[in-house]
Amino acid sequence: MALQDLAFLLGRPFGPMYGLLMQARAAAYQRGLFPVHKMPVPVLSVGNLLLGGSGKTPLVQHLARLLLAQGRKPAIISRGYGGRARERVNVVSDGSRVLLDARMAGDEPRLLAETLPGVLVLTGRKRRFPAEAAVQMGADVLLLDDAFQHLALGRDVNLALFNAGKLAGDGRIFPGGELREPFSALKRASAFVLTAVNERNQAQAEDFARRLRQDFPDRPVAFAAYTAESALRLTPAGSCETLPLDAVRTQGGLFAFCGIAAPESFFATLAALSLPLKGVCALADHHPYTPAHLPALCAKAQRCGAQALITTEKDLVKLAPFASLLSLPLFTLRMQVNLDQDFTSWLMQELAAK
C-alpha cells in the first residue's frame, strides 16, 4: 500500500468532520460573518476541488495571453506555495522584469512570470494585499491562481477544474481522500473545465461532463486539451533555447523526471508523443532541488542507457540556477492549451460585463 493510501485510510474517520467544517466556513463567508473583499476590477478565479494538480498553470497562462491579446492588463495573484518570500506583497514580475527566482517566488509563479511578458505576477499569503497592489500597478483584470477555496477575496467568475485523468478521484474528503471540500462546494462555481482531455480519457470525460450538466444545467462545461507546441533545452548559462520536437525525438533515449502532483500525466504525455523513454523518476510535488540533484539524476539516466533528461517547465525553472552542473542535455516541453471556442467567448463576455 502506498504511503498516501495508508494516510487516507487512517484519516477516513475524520473526513466527514472536515467536510462539515469546510461547509460551515463557506456558509460563514456567504452570510457575511467573515468579510469578503471586493476588488474594483474583474476577478477570475481558477481552482479545483481535488488535492494535487488539475492543469491550472497551463490554463492560467492561456487565459492571461487571451486577455493580453484583447488589450487588457492582467495580473496573476498566487499564494506562492513553496516560495520563501514572506512579505505581504511579493512582486515576482512587474510585467517587464522577472524580479524573484523560483526559490523565493515558488515554481509556479516563477514559471508564469518567465512565460508571460507583459503580465504582472504577485504573491502573498493573504491574496487581498497582492491583489490591491496589482490594481495600483495598473492591472485591469485579476487572475487568481488556485483559489477555489480562498473565499476571502471576491471573484466575478469562478472556474472549477477537473483533470480528465482523475476526475472526482476517490470521492472521499480529506484527510480520508482527495477532495478538499464536499461536492456541494461546486455550487460556488460559475463554470467547469475538464483539463488534459485526450483519446485515452475522452469517454470518461464526456460522461463526467454529462453529470455536471445534469447537476448544474445553467453553467458551462468545457474541455481543455494540452498539446506539445515545441521543446526547450536548458543551456549551461541557465537560459532556454526553443527547438522543434524532433530535436528531442532524435536524442536516442530520454530519462524523464518531475516533482509535480500528477507525474503519471507527464509520463503519459511523453509516451503519447512517442518519445524514446529509457526510465522515469517521480519526485514529491514542488520538490526542492539542490545542486546535488542534477549529477544524481544524470547518473541515474546513464545507468538506464539514456542520453538526455526531460522534465516539466515547472521543474526546469527551479533547476536553471544549477545548469552548469549538467553532464547530459536537459529538455522540457512547451505546452499549448486548446480550449472550446464557445466557452472562451462566454468567458471573455462575462469578464467584459463586469
Protein backbone atom coordinates (compact mmCIF):
# COMPACT_ATOMS: atom_id res chain seq x y z
CA MET A 1 0.00 0.00 0.00
CA ALA A 2 1.33 3.43 -0.97
CA LEU A 3 2.06 5.89 1.84
CA GLN A 4 -0.65 8.28 0.63
CA ASP A 5 -3.22 5.45 0.50
CA LEU A 6 -2.31 4.48 4.07
CA ALA A 7 -2.64 8.11 5.21
CA PHE A 8 -6.07 8.37 3.59
CA LEU A 9 -7.14 5.09 5.19
CA LEU A 10 -6.13 6.32 8.65
CA GLY A 11 -7.78 9.69 8.03
CA ARG A 12 -11.05 8.32 6.70
CA PRO A 13 -12.97 8.59 10.01
CA PHE A 14 -12.18 12.32 10.12
CA GLY A 15 -13.27 13.12 6.55
CA PRO A 16 -16.96 13.80 7.35
CA MET A 17 -15.97 16.12 10.22
CA TYR A 18 -13.57 18.05 7.98
CA GLY A 19 -16.26 18.27 5.31
CA LEU A 20 -18.70 19.80 7.80
CA LEU A 21 -16.08 22.33 8.88
CA MET A 22 -15.47 23.36 5.26
CA GLN A 23 -19.23 23.70 4.66
CA ALA A 24 -19.58 25.85 7.80
CA ARG A 25 -16.65 28.02 6.68
CA ALA A 26 -18.18 28.56 3.23
CA ALA A 27 -21.57 29.40 4.79
CA ALA A 28 -19.92 31.95 7.11
CA TYR A 29 -18.45 33.77 4.11
CA GLN A 30 -21.73 33.59 2.21
CA ARG A 31 -23.69 35.08 5.12
CA GLY A 32 -21.20 37.86 5.76
CA LEU A 33 -19.87 36.52 9.06
CA PHE A 34 -16.39 36.56 7.51
CA PRO A 35 -15.50 39.55 5.31
CA VAL A 36 -15.18 39.14 1.54
CA HIS A 37 -13.02 41.83 -0.05
CA LYS A 38 -14.34 43.14 -3.36
CA MET A 39 -11.95 44.46 -5.99
CA PRO A 40 -12.58 47.41 -8.34
CA VAL A 41 -11.65 45.31 -11.40
CA PRO A 42 -12.99 41.97 -12.70
CA VAL A 43 -11.62 38.91 -10.88
CA LEU A 44 -11.34 35.45 -12.46
CA SER A 45 -10.51 32.54 -10.15
CA VAL A 46 -9.03 29.25 -11.40
CA GLY A 47 -9.10 26.40 -8.88
CA ASN A 48 -10.07 22.82 -8.23
CA LEU A 49 -11.82 20.53 -5.80
CA LEU A 50 -9.23 17.75 -5.62
CA LEU A 51 -5.84 17.76 -3.96
CA GLY A 52 -2.93 17.92 -6.36
CA GLY A 53 -2.66 19.07 -9.94
CA SER A 54 -5.53 19.74 -12.30
CA GLY A 55 -3.70 21.59 -15.09
CA LYS A 56 -4.29 25.03 -13.59
CA THR A 57 -0.97 26.57 -14.61
CA PRO A 58 -1.27 25.99 -18.40
CA LEU A 59 -4.85 27.28 -18.31
CA VAL A 60 -3.85 30.41 -16.36
CA GLN A 61 -1.11 31.02 -18.97
CA HIS A 62 -3.65 30.61 -21.77
CA LEU A 63 -6.19 32.95 -20.18
CA ALA A 64 -3.55 35.60 -19.47
CA ARG A 65 -2.48 35.54 -23.13
CA LEU A 66 -6.09 35.83 -24.27
CA LEU A 67 -6.58 38.89 -22.06
CA LEU A 68 -3.33 40.46 -23.31
CA ALA A 69 -4.47 39.94 -26.91
CA GLN A 70 -7.65 41.88 -26.08
CA GLY A 71 -5.62 44.84 -24.88
CA ARG A 72 -6.21 44.16 -21.18
CA LYS A 73 -3.54 44.36 -18.47
CA PRO A 74 -3.94 41.16 -16.45
CA ALA A 75 -2.26 40.35 -13.16
CA ILE A 76 -1.85 36.86 -11.73
CA ILE A 77 -2.27 36.57 -7.98
CA SER A 78 -0.92 33.47 -6.24
CA ARG A 79 -0.23 32.34 -2.71
CA GLY A 80 3.28 31.44 -3.87
CA TYR A 81 3.25 27.93 -2.44
CA GLY A 82 6.78 26.64 -1.81
CA GLY A 83 8.39 30.07 -2.18
CA ARG A 84 10.45 31.61 0.61
CA ALA A 85 9.26 35.19 0.04
CA ARG A 86 7.23 36.18 3.11
CA GLU A 87 6.36 39.82 2.51
CA ARG A 88 2.73 40.89 2.49
CA VAL A 89 3.20 41.60 -1.24
CA ASN A 90 5.89 39.85 -3.32
CA VAL A 91 6.27 41.14 -6.88
CA VAL A 92 7.52 38.22 -8.98
CA SER A 93 7.15 40.17 -12.24
CA ASP A 94 6.27 43.81 -12.85
CA GLY A 95 5.32 42.96 -16.43
CA SER A 96 8.69 43.84 -17.92
CA ARG A 97 11.15 42.24 -15.47
CA VAL A 98 11.20 38.98 -13.52
CA LEU A 99 12.27 40.01 -10.04
CA LEU A 100 12.21 36.81 -7.93
CA ASP A 101 13.69 33.38 -8.63
CA ALA A 102 11.82 30.11 -8.15
CA ARG A 103 13.33 29.61 -4.69
CA MET A 104 11.78 32.87 -3.47
CA ALA A 105 8.65 33.04 -5.60
CA GLY A 106 7.67 29.36 -5.84
CA ASP A 107 7.92 27.31 -9.01
CA GLU A 108 4.52 28.15 -10.50
CA PRO A 109 4.69 31.96 -10.06
CA ARG A 110 8.25 31.98 -11.46
CA LEU A 111 7.16 29.91 -14.48
CA LEU A 112 4.20 32.23 -15.10
CA ALA A 113 6.46 35.28 -14.82
CA GLU A 114 9.00 33.84 -17.27
CA THR A 115 6.47 32.80 -19.89
CA LEU A 116 4.11 35.79 -19.74
CA PRO A 117 5.89 39.05 -20.59
CA GLY A 118 3.55 41.98 -20.05
CA VAL A 119 1.68 40.23 -17.21
CA LEU A 120 2.04 41.21 -13.56
CA VAL A 121 2.67 38.27 -11.21
CA LEU A 122 2.36 38.84 -7.46
CA THR A 123 2.21 36.52 -4.46
CA GLY A 124 1.15 36.79 -0.84
CA ARG A 125 -0.34 34.54 1.82
CA LYS A 126 -3.39 36.82 2.08
CA ARG A 127 -4.24 37.40 -1.57
CA ARG A 128 -6.16 40.57 -0.85
CA PHE A 129 -2.90 42.53 -0.46
CA PRO A 130 -1.14 41.48 -3.69
CA ALA A 131 -4.48 41.94 -5.48
CA GLU A 132 -4.74 45.54 -4.22
CA ALA A 133 -1.09 46.15 -5.15
CA ALA A 134 -1.68 44.81 -8.67
CA VAL A 135 -4.57 47.24 -9.20
CA GLN A 136 -2.34 50.09 -8.01
CA MET A 137 0.25 48.94 -10.57
CA GLY A 138 -2.31 49.27 -13.36
CA ALA A 139 -3.93 45.84 -13.61
CA ASP A 140 -7.46 45.95 -15.02
CA VAL A 141 -8.30 42.25 -14.51
CA LEU A 142 -7.07 39.77 -11.89
CA LEU A 143 -6.42 36.04 -12.34
CA LEU A 144 -6.46 34.16 -9.03
CA ASP A 145 -4.36 31.01 -9.30
CA ASP A 146 -5.53 28.01 -7.23
CA ALA A 147 -8.17 30.00 -5.37
CA PHE A 148 -11.38 27.95 -5.32
CA GLN A 149 -11.07 27.56 -1.54
CA HIS A 150 -9.75 31.10 -0.96
CA LEU A 151 -13.08 32.76 -0.13
CA ALA A 152 -11.82 35.99 1.44
CA LEU A 153 -11.36 37.64 -1.96
CA GLY A 154 -14.44 38.18 -4.11
CA ARG A 155 -14.49 36.94 -7.68
CA ASP A 156 -16.73 37.56 -10.67
CA VAL A 157 -16.03 34.28 -12.47
CA ASN A 158 -15.16 31.13 -10.51
CA LEU A 159 -13.77 28.23 -12.59
CA ALA A 160 -13.60 24.73 -11.08
CA LEU A 161 -11.16 22.45 -12.87
CA PHE A 162 -11.06 18.65 -13.03
CA ASN A 163 -8.18 16.69 -14.51
CA ALA A 164 -9.76 14.30 -17.01
CA GLY A 165 -7.35 11.59 -15.88
CA LYS A 166 -8.58 11.75 -12.26
CA LEU A 167 -12.00 13.44 -12.42
CA ALA A 168 -13.53 13.12 -8.92
CA GLY A 169 -10.71 10.94 -7.60
CA ASP A 170 -11.74 8.55 -4.84
CA GLY A 171 -14.77 10.66 -3.90
CA ARG A 172 -13.71 10.94 -0.25
CA ILE A 173 -13.00 14.12 1.70
CA PHE A 174 -9.59 14.97 3.15
CA PRO A 175 -7.96 13.64 5.32
CA GLY A 176 -9.66 10.44 4.21
CA GLY A 177 -9.38 11.12 0.49
CA GLU A 178 -8.55 13.53 -2.29
CA LEU A 179 -11.41 16.03 -2.03
CA ARG A 180 -10.58 19.41 -0.49
CA GLU A 181 -14.30 20.04 0.10
CA PRO A 182 -17.60 18.18 -0.32
CA PHE A 183 -19.13 18.16 -3.81
CA SER A 184 -21.70 20.68 -2.58
CA ALA A 185 -18.93 23.32 -2.85
CA LEU A 186 -19.34 23.17 -6.63
CA LYS A 187 -22.41 25.38 -6.21
CA ARG A 188 -19.91 28.26 -5.99
CA ALA A 189 -18.55 27.54 -9.46
CA SER A 190 -19.52 29.71 -12.42
CA ALA A 191 -18.32 27.06 -14.89
CA PHE A 192 -16.33 23.83 -15.11
CA VAL A 193 -13.28 22.93 -17.18
CA LEU A 194 -12.12 19.37 -17.72
CA THR A 195 -8.39 19.57 -18.43
CA ALA A 196 -5.85 17.28 -20.11
CA VAL A 197 -8.56 15.62 -22.22
CA ASN A 198 -7.14 13.11 -24.70
CA GLU A 199 -8.07 9.96 -26.59
CA ARG A 200 -7.46 7.73 -23.56
CA ASN A 201 -9.84 9.57 -21.22
CA GLN A 202 -12.28 11.17 -23.69
CA ALA A 203 -15.17 8.79 -22.92
CA GLN A 204 -14.86 9.17 -19.14
CA ALA A 205 -14.56 12.95 -19.51
CA GLU A 206 -17.72 13.15 -21.60
CA ASP A 207 -19.62 11.03 -19.07
CA PHE A 208 -18.44 13.24 -16.20
CA ALA A 209 -19.38 16.37 -18.18
CA ARG A 210 -22.92 15.00 -18.64
CA ARG A 211 -23.21 14.54 -14.87
CA LEU A 212 -22.06 18.12 -14.27
CA ARG A 213 -24.58 19.45 -16.83
CA GLN A 214 -27.37 17.48 -15.14
CA ASP A 215 -26.47 18.85 -11.69
CA PHE A 216 -25.71 22.39 -12.90
CA PRO A 217 -27.71 22.91 -16.11
CA ASP A 218 -27.16 26.68 -16.14
CA ARG A 219 -23.34 26.53 -16.08
CA PRO A 220 -20.94 25.89 -18.96
CA VAL A 221 -18.75 22.79 -19.06
CA ALA A 222 -15.66 22.99 -21.26
CA PHE A 223 -12.89 20.65 -22.37
CA ALA A 224 -9.24 21.73 -22.50
CA ALA A 225 -6.70 19.62 -24.37
CA TYR A 226 -2.97 20.14 -23.91
CA THR A 227 -0.62 19.59 -26.84
CA ALA A 228 3.15 19.96 -27.12
CA GLU A 229 3.98 23.09 -29.10
CA SER A 230 7.78 22.87 -29.07
CA ALA A 231 10.74 21.76 -26.98
CA LEU A 232 13.07 23.83 -24.81
CA ARG A 233 16.66 22.98 -23.95
CA LEU A 234 18.37 24.36 -20.84
CA THR A 235 21.72 25.91 -21.75
CA PRO A 236 24.76 25.85 -19.43
CA ALA A 237 24.11 29.55 -18.74
CA GLY A 238 20.65 28.75 -17.34
CA SER A 239 18.64 30.15 -20.25
CA CYS A 240 16.41 28.19 -22.62
CA GLU A 241 16.61 27.73 -26.37
CA THR A 242 13.50 26.76 -28.34
CA LEU A 243 13.75 23.70 -30.57
CA PRO A 244 11.37 21.59 -32.66
CA LEU A 245 10.01 18.43 -31.04
CA ASP A 246 12.06 16.30 -33.42
CA ALA A 247 15.19 17.56 -31.66
CA VAL A 248 14.04 15.60 -28.61
CA ARG A 249 12.97 12.52 -30.55
CA THR A 250 16.45 12.12 -32.03
CA GLN A 251 18.26 12.06 -28.66
CA GLY A 252 18.50 8.27 -28.65
CA GLY A 253 16.93 7.81 -25.22
CA LEU A 254 15.39 10.03 -22.55
CA PHE A 255 15.21 9.84 -18.77
CA ALA A 256 12.05 11.62 -17.54
CA PHE A 257 11.67 13.05 -14.06
CA CYS A 258 9.37 15.56 -12.37
CA GLY A 259 8.22 16.88 -9.00
CA ILE A 260 4.54 17.61 -9.69
CA ALA A 261 1.26 16.44 -8.21
CA ALA A 262 0.35 14.17 -11.16
CA PRO A 263 3.61 12.72 -12.52
CA GLU A 264 1.77 9.94 -14.36
CA SER A 265 0.11 12.58 -16.54
CA PHE A 266 3.51 13.96 -17.61
CA PHE A 267 4.90 10.49 -18.35
CA ALA A 268 1.76 9.62 -20.34
CA THR A 269 2.17 12.79 -22.40
CA LEU A 270 5.74 11.80 -23.27
CA ALA A 271 4.65 8.29 -24.23
CA ALA A 272 1.84 9.64 -26.42
CA LEU A 273 4.41 11.72 -28.31
CA SER A 274 6.42 8.54 -28.99
CA LEU A 275 9.47 9.95 -27.25
CA PRO A 276 12.18 7.33 -26.59
CA LEU A 277 11.89 6.87 -22.80
CA LYS A 278 14.51 4.74 -21.07
CA GLY A 279 13.37 5.41 -17.50
CA VAL A 280 11.24 7.68 -15.28
CA CYS A 281 11.51 9.12 -11.78
CA ALA A 282 8.61 10.72 -9.85
CA LEU A 283 9.63 13.11 -7.08
CA ALA A 284 7.45 14.81 -4.45
CA ASP A 285 5.23 17.69 -5.57
CA HIS A 286 7.12 21.04 -5.51
CA HIS A 287 10.36 19.11 -4.97
CA PRO A 288 13.07 21.45 -3.57
CA TYR A 289 16.06 20.84 -5.87
CA THR A 290 19.64 21.37 -4.69
CA PRO A 291 22.94 21.39 -6.64
CA ALA A 292 23.40 17.72 -5.78
CA HIS A 293 20.27 16.63 -7.64
CA LEU A 294 21.43 17.18 -11.21
CA PRO A 295 24.57 15.00 -11.04
CA ALA A 296 22.49 12.30 -9.31
CA LEU A 297 19.77 12.45 -11.97
CA CYS A 298 22.36 12.38 -14.76
CA ALA A 299 23.98 9.30 -13.20
CA LYS A 300 20.60 7.57 -12.88
CA ALA A 301 19.81 8.40 -16.52
CA GLN A 302 23.11 6.99 -17.74
CA ARG A 303 22.51 3.75 -15.84
CA CYS A 304 19.24 3.44 -17.79
CA GLY A 305 21.04 4.00 -21.08
CA ALA A 306 19.53 7.47 -21.60
CA GLN A 307 21.45 10.19 -23.41
CA ALA A 308 19.32 13.15 -22.26
CA LEU A 309 16.95 14.28 -19.50
CA ILE A 310 13.43 15.64 -19.85
CA THR A 311 11.25 17.30 -17.20
CA THR A 312 8.35 19.74 -16.86
CA GLU A 313 8.61 23.51 -17.25
CA LYS A 314 7.75 23.86 -13.57
CA ASP A 315 10.75 21.75 -12.60
CA LEU A 316 13.02 23.43 -15.13
CA VAL A 317 12.68 26.90 -13.60
CA LYS A 318 13.99 25.51 -10.30
CA LEU A 319 16.88 23.70 -11.99
CA ALA A 320 18.07 26.63 -14.13
CA PRO A 321 20.46 28.02 -11.44
CA PHE A 322 22.31 24.68 -11.45
CA ALA A 323 22.50 24.29 -15.24
CA SER A 324 26.31 24.29 -15.31
CA LEU A 325 26.29 21.02 -13.34
CA LEU A 326 24.55 19.11 -16.15
CA SER A 327 26.51 16.39 -17.89
CA LEU A 328 23.56 15.49 -20.13
CA PRO A 329 21.20 17.70 -22.20
CA LEU A 330 18.03 18.71 -20.30
CA PHE A 331 14.80 19.32 -22.22
CA THR A 332 11.23 20.28 -21.45
CA LEU A 333 8.04 20.65 -23.47
CA ARG A 334 6.24 23.92 -24.12
CA MET A 335 2.56 23.01 -23.90
CA GLN A 336 -0.32 24.69 -25.72
CA VAL A 337 -3.91 24.77 -24.46
CA ASN A 338 -6.79 24.09 -26.84
CA LEU A 339 -9.96 25.39 -25.19
CA ASP A 340 -13.52 25.30 -26.53
CA GLN A 341 -14.04 28.46 -28.58
CA ASP A 342 -17.64 28.89 -27.43
CA PHE A 343 -16.51 28.70 -23.82
CA THR A 344 -13.72 31.20 -24.46
CA SER A 345 -16.23 33.64 -25.94
CA TRP A 346 -18.56 33.17 -22.96
CA LEU A 347 -15.72 33.74 -20.51
CA MET A 348 -14.49 36.92 -22.15
CA GLN A 349 -18.05 38.26 -22.32
CA GLU A 350 -18.56 37.55 -18.63
CA LEU A 351 -15.42 39.46 -17.71
CA ALA A 352 -16.29 42.34 -20.04
CA ALA A 353 -19.74 42.61 -18.45
CA LYS A 354 -18.15 43.11 -15.01
